[in-house]
Amino acid sequence: MIIVNVKENESIDKALKRFKKKFEKTGILKELRSRTAFEKPSVRRRNQIIRAAYREQQQLLHNNG
C-alpha cells in the first residue's frame, strides 16, 4: 500500500505527483501490463536482447558524441 502524507499548505497537484512517482517506482503497472498477454520465453529473451543492443548503441552514441 502506498501512503503519501500531504503536508500543510501543499497543493493536491504536488501530492498527486509524489504519489505517481512512488507508484511508478513500485513497478506495479509494468507488471500488470506484462501479465495481460502471455509471452513465450523465447520471445521475451529476443526482446531483451534487442533492448540491450539498443541501449548499448545509445550509450556509444552518447559517449562519442
N, C-alpha and C. Protein backbone atom coordinates (compact mmCIF):
# COMPACT_ATOMS: atom_id res chain seq x y z
N MET A 1 0.84 -1.16 0.00
CA MET A 1 0.00 0.00 0.00
C MET A 1 0.89 1.24 0.00
N ILE A 2 0.55 2.18 -0.83
CA ILE A 2 1.33 3.41 -0.95
C ILE A 2 0.67 4.49 -0.11
N ILE A 3 1.45 5.11 0.76
CA ILE A 3 0.93 6.17 1.62
C ILE A 3 1.71 7.45 1.31
N VAL A 4 0.95 8.52 1.04
CA VAL A 4 1.55 9.82 0.78
C VAL A 4 0.95 10.80 1.78
N ASN A 5 1.78 11.32 2.65
CA ASN A 5 1.31 12.31 3.62
C ASN A 5 1.31 13.68 2.97
N VAL A 6 0.17 14.35 3.04
CA VAL A 6 0.05 15.69 2.47
C VAL A 6 0.48 16.69 3.54
N LYS A 7 1.44 17.51 3.19
CA LYS A 7 1.96 18.49 4.12
C LYS A 7 1.03 19.70 4.20
N GLU A 8 1.23 20.51 5.22
CA GLU A 8 0.41 21.72 5.35
C GLU A 8 0.72 22.67 4.20
N ASN A 9 -0.32 23.29 3.69
CA ASN A 9 -0.23 24.26 2.60
C ASN A 9 0.38 23.66 1.34
N GLU A 10 0.27 22.34 1.17
CA GLU A 10 0.77 21.69 -0.04
C GLU A 10 -0.40 21.48 -0.99
N SER A 11 -0.19 21.80 -2.24
CA SER A 11 -1.28 21.64 -3.19
C SER A 11 -1.51 20.16 -3.48
N ILE A 12 -2.72 19.87 -3.89
CA ILE A 12 -3.08 18.49 -4.22
C ILE A 12 -2.27 18.01 -5.42
N ASP A 13 -1.96 18.92 -6.32
CA ASP A 13 -1.19 18.54 -7.51
C ASP A 13 0.19 18.00 -7.13
N LYS A 14 0.85 18.66 -6.18
CA LYS A 14 2.18 18.20 -5.76
C LYS A 14 2.09 16.84 -5.06
N ALA A 15 1.06 16.68 -4.21
CA ALA A 15 0.89 15.40 -3.52
C ALA A 15 0.59 14.29 -4.52
N LEU A 16 -0.21 14.59 -5.52
CA LEU A 16 -0.53 13.61 -6.56
C LEU A 16 0.71 13.25 -7.36
N LYS A 17 1.56 14.23 -7.62
CA LYS A 17 2.80 13.98 -8.35
C LYS A 17 3.72 13.06 -7.55
N ARG A 18 3.80 13.26 -6.23
CA ARG A 18 4.60 12.39 -5.38
C ARG A 18 4.03 10.97 -5.36
N PHE A 19 2.70 10.88 -5.33
CA PHE A 19 2.05 9.57 -5.36
C PHE A 19 2.39 8.84 -6.66
N LYS A 20 2.30 9.54 -7.77
CA LYS A 20 2.59 8.93 -9.07
C LYS A 20 4.03 8.43 -9.14
N LYS A 21 4.97 9.20 -8.58
CA LYS A 21 6.37 8.78 -8.57
C LYS A 21 6.55 7.50 -7.75
N LYS A 22 5.94 7.47 -6.57
CA LYS A 22 6.05 6.28 -5.73
C LYS A 22 5.42 5.08 -6.42
N PHE A 23 4.27 5.29 -7.05
CA PHE A 23 3.56 4.22 -7.72
C PHE A 23 4.39 3.67 -8.87
N GLU A 24 5.04 4.56 -9.61
CA GLU A 24 5.86 4.13 -10.74
C GLU A 24 7.09 3.36 -10.26
N LYS A 25 7.67 3.75 -9.13
CA LYS A 25 8.85 3.06 -8.60
C LYS A 25 8.53 1.63 -8.19
N THR A 26 7.30 1.38 -7.74
CA THR A 26 6.95 0.03 -7.30
C THR A 26 6.90 -0.95 -8.46
N GLY A 27 6.62 -0.47 -9.67
CA GLY A 27 6.59 -1.34 -10.85
C GLY A 27 5.31 -2.14 -10.99
N ILE A 28 4.27 -1.76 -10.28
CA ILE A 28 3.00 -2.49 -10.33
C ILE A 28 2.39 -2.41 -11.72
N LEU A 29 2.35 -1.22 -12.28
CA LEU A 29 1.72 -1.04 -13.59
C LEU A 29 2.45 -1.82 -14.67
N LYS A 30 3.77 -1.82 -14.60
CA LYS A 30 4.57 -2.56 -15.58
C LYS A 30 4.28 -4.05 -15.50
N GLU A 31 4.17 -4.55 -14.27
CA GLU A 31 3.87 -5.97 -14.09
C GLU A 31 2.47 -6.31 -14.60
N LEU A 32 1.51 -5.45 -14.33
CA LEU A 32 0.15 -5.69 -14.80
C LEU A 32 0.10 -5.75 -16.33
N ARG A 33 0.81 -4.84 -16.95
CA ARG A 33 0.82 -4.83 -18.42
C ARG A 33 1.49 -6.08 -18.98
N SER A 34 2.51 -6.56 -18.30
CA SER A 34 3.19 -7.75 -18.78
C SER A 34 2.33 -8.99 -18.61
N ARG A 35 1.41 -8.98 -17.65
CA ARG A 35 0.56 -10.13 -17.40
C ARG A 35 -0.70 -10.16 -18.26
N THR A 36 -0.97 -9.08 -18.99
CA THR A 36 -2.20 -9.05 -19.78
C THR A 36 -2.18 -10.09 -20.89
N ALA A 37 -1.04 -10.35 -21.46
CA ALA A 37 -0.94 -11.34 -22.54
C ALA A 37 0.29 -12.21 -22.29
N PHE A 38 0.15 -13.49 -22.55
CA PHE A 38 1.27 -14.40 -22.35
C PHE A 38 2.33 -14.18 -23.41
N GLU A 39 3.56 -14.17 -22.98
CA GLU A 39 4.68 -14.00 -23.89
C GLU A 39 5.58 -15.22 -23.74
N LYS A 40 5.85 -15.88 -24.85
CA LYS A 40 6.70 -17.06 -24.79
C LYS A 40 8.09 -16.68 -24.32
N PRO A 41 8.76 -17.58 -23.59
CA PRO A 41 10.11 -17.27 -23.09
C PRO A 41 11.09 -16.92 -24.20
N SER A 42 10.96 -17.57 -25.35
CA SER A 42 11.88 -17.27 -26.46
C SER A 42 11.66 -15.85 -26.97
N VAL A 43 10.40 -15.42 -27.02
CA VAL A 43 10.08 -14.06 -27.47
C VAL A 43 10.58 -13.05 -26.44
N ARG A 44 10.43 -13.37 -25.17
CA ARG A 44 10.88 -12.48 -24.10
C ARG A 44 12.38 -12.29 -24.17
N ARG A 45 13.13 -13.41 -24.37
CA ARG A 45 14.59 -13.32 -24.49
C ARG A 45 14.99 -12.48 -25.70
N ARG A 46 14.31 -12.70 -26.82
CA ARG A 46 14.63 -11.95 -28.03
C ARG A 46 14.41 -10.45 -27.81
N ASN A 47 13.31 -10.10 -27.16
CA ASN A 47 13.04 -8.69 -26.89
C ASN A 47 14.07 -8.10 -25.93
N GLN A 48 14.52 -8.87 -24.95
CA GLN A 48 15.54 -8.38 -24.03
C GLN A 48 16.85 -8.12 -24.76
N ILE A 49 17.21 -9.01 -25.68
CA ILE A 49 18.44 -8.84 -26.46
C ILE A 49 18.35 -7.60 -27.33
N ILE A 50 17.20 -7.41 -27.96
CA ILE A 50 17.01 -6.23 -28.82
C ILE A 50 17.11 -4.95 -28.00
N ARG A 51 16.45 -4.94 -26.82
CA ARG A 51 16.51 -3.75 -25.96
C ARG A 51 17.93 -3.47 -25.48
N ALA A 52 18.66 -4.53 -25.12
CA ALA A 52 20.03 -4.35 -24.65
C ALA A 52 20.92 -3.79 -25.75
N ALA A 53 20.75 -4.29 -26.96
CA ALA A 53 21.54 -3.79 -28.09
C ALA A 53 21.23 -2.32 -28.36
N TYR A 54 19.96 -1.96 -28.25
CA TYR A 54 19.56 -0.57 -28.47
C TYR A 54 20.17 0.34 -27.41
N ARG A 55 20.10 -0.10 -26.13
CA ARG A 55 20.68 0.70 -25.05
C ARG A 55 22.19 0.87 -25.23
N GLU A 56 22.86 -0.21 -25.64
CA GLU A 56 24.30 -0.15 -25.85
C GLU A 56 24.64 0.83 -26.98
N GLN A 57 23.85 0.78 -28.04
CA GLN A 57 24.07 1.69 -29.17
C GLN A 57 23.87 3.14 -28.74
N GLN A 58 22.85 3.39 -27.94
CA GLN A 58 22.59 4.74 -27.47
C GLN A 58 23.72 5.24 -26.56
N GLN A 59 24.25 4.35 -25.73
CA GLN A 59 25.37 4.72 -24.86
C GLN A 59 26.60 5.08 -25.68
N LEU A 60 26.87 4.28 -26.70
CA LEU A 60 28.03 4.58 -27.54
C LEU A 60 27.88 5.91 -28.25
N LEU A 61 26.68 6.19 -28.74
CA LEU A 61 26.43 7.46 -29.41
C LEU A 61 26.56 8.62 -28.42
N HIS A 62 26.06 8.42 -27.21
CA HIS A 62 26.12 9.48 -26.21
C HIS A 62 27.55 9.75 -25.75
N ASN A 63 28.35 8.69 -25.58
CA ASN A 63 29.72 8.84 -25.10
C ASN A 63 30.64 9.41 -26.18
N ASN A 64 30.40 9.06 -27.44
CA ASN A 64 31.25 9.53 -28.52
C ASN A 64 30.82 10.88 -29.05
N GLY A 65 29.55 11.23 -28.83
CA GLY A 65 29.01 12.46 -29.42
C GLY A 65 29.26 13.62 -28.57
